[in-house]
Amino acid sequence: MTKEYDFQKLQKRFADYLRNPEQCSFHEIAEQRRLHVYRDLIRNNLQSFLNSGFPVSRKVLGEDLWRLTGDAFRAGYQAQSPYFADISGDFVDYLQSADIEALQPYPFIRELAHYEWVELKVSLSHLPEDLAALTEESLTTAQLVVNPTAQVLRYQFPVHEVATDNQPQEPLSEALLLVVFKNAQGAVKFIQLSPLTALLLQHVQQHKALTLVELQAAMQAALPQFNPATLATGMRETLTEFGSRGLIVQRL
């Protein structure tokens, strides 16, 4: 067993105090005024990261409950990453299993926080240089690729519509499908999907590159009940729209 030296025990006690100053005492070792400087620094820095990453969640919950949630996260979550960029993901992970009674009137909050986190995560991603915009003219010959930054999301609540004056209490009758991605101009975009357009994206994502003919064959096999001409027309319209928005691109 590794021996824990006195200074390590002291460090652990100090860390416990910083995580949860209301429950962990440290005042007999250091002056209270000095301890409060570190306590407030840790609390305010962490809260600042959460404020910037989850503006809608913060506004919906209100300042008091938002700060309480941040304090509970600091006290109860064992982060594994030392990087500031991972704090938002850790917070979302914490919320999935957190038992905070004050959050019960907000059944959508876990999905809302995830939705906001994905936007931040995608904003930090990078597009490869071997991809180009898809045009209607190049559609028939292009090697089709889903924008590598794209993430398809499935939610039980309409997270894209949540606001202080719109707080759903019941899940949707059908799941909300969204795709979030970063376009060539560096802007993060969201598109609401139907089950059919989600299936189309799934088929393209399963391959490194796919031609229009190959994609039509895969979709027709998956949807034999559809008239081939109708399916082909709908696919072309969808791919053209997705190409103009930067969701579907072509490999150079």
Protein backbone atom coordinates (compact mmCIF):
# COMPACT_ATOMS: atom_id res chain seq x y z
CA MET A 1 0.00 0.00 0.00
CA THR A 2 1.34 3.45 -0.92
CA LYS A 3 2.15 5.53 2.13
CA GLU A 4 0.27 8.80 2.38
CA TYR A 5 2.52 11.47 3.83
CA ASP A 6 1.32 14.28 6.07
CA PHE A 7 1.54 16.90 3.30
CA GLN A 8 -0.59 14.68 1.05
CA LYS A 9 -3.22 14.36 3.75
CA LEU A 10 -3.15 18.12 4.11
CA GLN A 11 -3.56 18.60 0.37
CA LYS A 12 -6.50 16.20 0.31
CA ARG A 13 -8.21 18.01 3.19
CA PHE A 14 -7.69 21.33 1.44
CA ALA A 15 -9.11 19.93 -1.81
CA ASP A 16 -12.10 18.51 0.06
CA TYR A 17 -12.69 21.92 1.59
CA LEU A 18 -12.54 23.66 -1.78
CA ARG A 19 -14.99 21.17 -3.28
CA ASN A 20 -17.47 21.41 -0.43
CA PRO A 21 -16.62 24.15 2.09
CA GLU A 22 -19.98 23.80 3.85
CA GLN A 23 -19.24 20.19 4.81
CA CYS A 24 -15.44 20.10 5.18
CA SER A 25 -13.63 22.09 7.84
CA PHE A 26 -10.13 23.49 7.36
CA HIS A 27 -10.21 26.62 9.53
CA GLU A 28 -8.06 25.16 12.32
CA ILE A 29 -5.13 24.94 9.89
CA ALA A 30 -5.42 28.19 7.94
CA GLU A 31 -6.90 31.61 8.54
CA GLN A 32 -10.54 31.78 7.46
CA ARG A 33 -10.09 34.99 5.48
CA ARG A 34 -7.35 33.40 3.34
CA LEU A 35 -9.34 30.23 2.84
CA HIS A 36 -12.25 32.23 1.51
CA VAL A 37 -10.03 33.70 -1.20
CA TYR A 38 -9.31 30.22 -2.59
CA ARG A 39 -12.88 29.06 -2.01
CA ASP A 40 -14.33 31.96 -3.98
CA LEU A 41 -11.71 31.67 -6.73
CA ILE A 42 -12.49 28.00 -7.38
CA ARG A 43 -16.24 28.51 -7.17
CA ASN A 44 -16.34 31.56 -9.41
CA ASN A 45 -13.99 30.13 -12.04
CA LEU A 46 -15.98 26.92 -12.33
CA GLN A 47 -19.25 28.82 -12.41
CA SER A 48 -17.87 31.06 -15.16
CA PHE A 49 -17.18 28.02 -17.38
CA LEU A 50 -20.68 26.69 -16.78
CA ASN A 51 -22.25 30.10 -17.45
CA SER A 52 -20.55 30.39 -20.83
CA GLY A 53 -21.30 26.80 -21.85
CA PHE A 54 -24.96 26.60 -20.81
CA PRO A 55 -26.60 30.02 -21.23
CA VAL A 56 -30.11 28.69 -21.85
CA SER A 57 -30.01 26.25 -18.93
CA ARG A 58 -28.81 29.06 -16.69
CA LYS A 59 -31.59 31.38 -17.78
CA VAL A 60 -34.30 28.74 -17.40
CA LEU A 61 -33.21 27.64 -13.91
CA GLY A 62 -32.53 31.14 -12.60
CA GLU A 63 -29.41 32.33 -10.81
CA ASP A 64 -30.02 30.75 -7.41
CA LEU A 65 -30.83 27.25 -8.65
CA TRP A 66 -28.13 27.46 -11.32
CA ARG A 67 -25.49 28.27 -8.72
CA LEU A 68 -26.79 25.53 -6.44
CA THR A 69 -26.46 23.05 -9.31
CA GLY A 70 -22.91 24.24 -10.00
CA ASP A 71 -22.01 23.85 -6.31
CA ALA A 72 -23.46 20.32 -6.27
CA PHE A 73 -21.40 19.45 -9.36
CA ARG A 74 -18.21 20.77 -7.78
CA ALA A 75 -18.84 18.84 -4.56
CA GLY A 76 -20.09 15.57 -5.99
CA TYR A 77 -18.34 14.88 -9.30
CA GLN A 78 -14.96 13.17 -9.63
CA ALA A 79 -13.52 14.65 -12.84
CA GLN A 80 -10.91 12.58 -14.65
CA SER A 81 -9.61 15.23 -17.05
CA PRO A 82 -7.39 18.19 -16.12
CA TYR A 83 -8.47 20.20 -19.18
CA PHE A 84 -10.79 23.18 -18.90
CA ALA A 85 -12.39 22.27 -22.25
CA ASP A 86 -13.74 19.06 -20.68
CA ILE A 87 -15.61 20.77 -17.83
CA SER A 88 -18.82 21.15 -19.84
CA GLY A 89 -18.85 17.48 -20.81
CA ASP A 90 -18.22 16.49 -17.19
CA PHE A 91 -21.15 18.67 -16.11
CA VAL A 92 -23.47 16.98 -18.61
CA ASP A 93 -22.25 13.59 -17.41
CA TYR A 94 -22.91 14.61 -13.81
CA LEU A 95 -26.46 15.75 -14.57
CA GLN A 96 -27.41 12.38 -16.07
CA SER A 97 -27.29 10.73 -12.65
CA ALA A 98 -27.50 13.70 -10.27
CA ASP A 99 -30.32 13.53 -7.74
CA ILE A 100 -31.08 17.19 -7.13
CA GLU A 101 -34.62 17.58 -5.83
CA ALA A 102 -34.82 21.22 -6.91
CA LEU A 103 -34.40 20.15 -10.57
CA GLN A 104 -37.51 17.96 -10.60
CA PRO A 105 -39.75 20.75 -12.02
CA TYR A 106 -37.37 20.83 -15.02
CA PRO A 107 -37.62 17.33 -16.55
CA PHE A 108 -36.01 18.57 -19.77
CA ILE A 109 -32.87 20.02 -18.16
CA ARG A 110 -30.59 17.03 -18.75
CA GLU A 111 -31.37 16.95 -22.46
CA LEU A 112 -31.16 20.74 -22.71
CA ALA A 113 -27.69 20.73 -21.14
CA HIS A 114 -26.58 17.97 -23.51
CA TYR A 115 -27.92 19.96 -26.47
CA GLU A 116 -25.95 23.03 -25.39
CA TRP A 117 -22.81 20.99 -24.75
CA VAL A 118 -22.90 19.40 -28.22
CA GLU A 119 -23.05 22.87 -29.77
CA LEU A 120 -19.90 23.82 -27.84
CA LYS A 121 -18.17 20.55 -28.70
CA VAL A 122 -18.88 20.91 -32.42
CA SER A 123 -17.71 24.55 -32.39
CA LEU A 124 -14.26 23.31 -31.28
CA SER A 125 -14.00 20.67 -34.03
CA HIS A 126 -12.12 21.04 -37.32
CA LEU A 127 -13.07 20.23 -40.90
CA PRO A 128 -10.54 18.18 -42.93
CA GLU A 129 -9.03 19.93 -45.93
CA ASP A 130 -9.74 17.10 -48.39
CA LEU A 131 -13.44 17.96 -48.59
CA ALA A 132 -15.29 20.42 -50.82
CA ALA A 133 -18.77 21.87 -51.06
CA LEU A 134 -21.38 19.74 -52.80
CA THR A 135 -23.27 21.44 -55.61
CA GLU A 136 -26.31 20.36 -57.60
CA GLU A 137 -24.08 20.04 -60.67
CA SER A 138 -21.57 17.74 -58.94
CA LEU A 139 -24.17 15.60 -57.19
CA THR A 140 -24.28 12.79 -59.77
CA THR A 141 -20.50 12.28 -59.87
CA ALA A 142 -19.41 13.25 -56.37
CA GLN A 143 -18.13 10.97 -53.65
CA LEU A 144 -20.67 11.89 -50.98
CA VAL A 145 -19.52 12.38 -47.39
CA VAL A 146 -21.35 13.57 -44.28
CA ASN A 147 -19.64 16.59 -42.77
CA PRO A 148 -17.26 14.93 -40.24
CA THR A 149 -18.27 17.37 -37.50
CA ALA A 150 -21.92 16.28 -37.74
CA GLN A 151 -23.65 14.61 -34.81
CA VAL A 152 -27.16 13.22 -34.99
CA LEU A 153 -29.09 13.83 -31.77
CA ARG A 154 -32.25 12.24 -30.43
CA TYR A 155 -34.26 13.89 -27.66
CA GLN A 156 -37.53 13.24 -25.85
CA PHE A 157 -38.10 16.96 -25.21
CA PRO A 158 -38.11 19.86 -27.72
CA VAL A 159 -34.80 21.23 -26.44
CA HIS A 160 -34.41 23.61 -29.38
CA GLU A 161 -37.53 25.48 -28.23
CA VAL A 162 -36.95 25.61 -24.46
CA ALA A 163 -36.98 29.12 -22.96
CA THR A 164 -38.02 30.84 -19.76
CA ASP A 165 -41.58 31.06 -21.10
CA ASN A 166 -41.58 27.60 -22.73
CA GLN A 167 -40.74 24.80 -20.32
CA PRO A 168 -42.24 21.48 -21.45
CA GLN A 169 -43.29 19.10 -18.68
CA GLU A 170 -44.11 16.07 -20.84
CA PRO A 171 -41.98 14.31 -23.45
CA LEU A 172 -42.88 14.48 -27.11
CA SER A 173 -45.07 11.79 -28.65
CA GLU A 174 -42.28 11.19 -31.18
CA ALA A 175 -38.59 11.72 -30.52
CA LEU A 176 -36.96 14.90 -31.82
CA LEU A 177 -34.18 14.22 -34.34
CA LEU A 178 -31.58 16.91 -34.90
CA VAL A 179 -28.20 17.08 -36.58
CA VAL A 180 -25.60 19.63 -35.51
CA PHE A 181 -22.50 20.43 -37.55
CA LYS A 182 -19.93 23.11 -38.31
CA ASN A 183 -20.02 24.53 -41.82
CA ALA A 184 -17.11 25.71 -43.95
CA GLN A 185 -17.53 29.26 -42.63
CA GLY A 186 -17.02 28.05 -39.06
CA ALA A 187 -20.63 28.51 -37.96
CA VAL A 188 -22.45 25.82 -35.96
CA LYS A 189 -25.76 24.87 -37.57
CA PHE A 190 -28.72 22.71 -36.57
CA ILE A 191 -31.16 20.92 -38.87
CA GLN A 192 -34.26 19.06 -37.72
CA LEU A 193 -34.48 15.64 -39.34
CA SER A 194 -37.30 13.32 -40.27
CA PRO A 195 -36.87 9.55 -39.87
CA LEU A 196 -36.19 9.33 -43.62
CA THR A 197 -33.53 12.04 -43.75
CA ALA A 198 -31.93 10.55 -40.62
CA LEU A 199 -31.80 7.18 -42.41
CA LEU A 200 -30.19 8.82 -45.43
CA LEU A 201 -27.48 10.38 -43.26
CA GLN A 202 -26.91 7.07 -41.53
CA HIS A 203 -26.30 5.31 -44.85
CA VAL A 204 -23.77 7.94 -45.95
CA GLN A 205 -22.01 7.92 -42.57
CA GLN A 206 -21.57 4.16 -42.72
CA HIS A 207 -19.24 4.56 -45.70
CA LYS A 208 -16.11 6.64 -46.18
CA ALA A 209 -17.61 7.89 -49.45
CA LEU A 210 -20.67 6.97 -51.45
CA THR A 211 -21.89 7.85 -54.94
CA LEU A 212 -25.47 8.91 -55.61
CA VAL A 213 -26.15 5.63 -57.43
CA GLU A 214 -24.80 3.60 -54.51
CA LEU A 215 -26.82 5.62 -52.02
CA GLN A 216 -30.01 5.21 -54.07
CA ALA A 217 -29.51 1.44 -54.12
CA ALA A 218 -28.97 1.31 -50.36
CA MET A 219 -32.01 3.45 -49.63
CA GLN A 220 -34.22 1.48 -52.03
CA ALA A 221 -33.16 -1.76 -50.34
CA ALA A 222 -34.03 -0.28 -46.94
CA LEU A 223 -37.35 1.16 -48.19
CA PRO A 224 -38.73 -1.28 -50.77
CA GLN A 225 -42.27 0.06 -50.25
CA PHE A 226 -41.28 3.39 -51.90
CA ASN A 227 -41.63 3.99 -55.62
CA PRO A 228 -38.05 4.15 -57.00
CA ALA A 229 -38.65 7.34 -59.00
CA THR A 230 -40.30 9.10 -56.05
CA LEU A 231 -37.49 8.03 -53.72
CA ALA A 232 -34.82 9.16 -56.18
CA THR A 233 -36.43 12.59 -56.57
CA GLY A 234 -36.77 13.07 -52.83
CA MET A 235 -33.16 12.01 -52.26
CA ARG A 236 -31.85 14.42 -54.85
CA GLU A 237 -33.80 17.32 -53.32
CA THR A 238 -32.61 16.45 -49.80
CA LEU A 239 -28.98 16.01 -50.84
CA THR A 240 -29.04 19.30 -52.75
CA GLU A 241 -30.40 21.12 -49.70
CA PHE A 242 -27.94 19.43 -47.32
CA GLY A 243 -25.13 20.23 -49.73
CA SER A 244 -26.05 23.91 -49.88
CA ARG A 245 -26.00 24.05 -46.07
CA GLY A 246 -22.71 22.19 -45.70
CA LEU A 247 -24.05 19.03 -44.07
CA ILE A 248 -23.24 16.80 -47.06
CA VAL A 249 -19.91 17.48 -48.77
CA GLN A 250 -17.77 15.73 -51.37
CA ARG A 251 -14.37 14.16 -51.12
CA LEU A 252 -11.68 15.66 -53.35
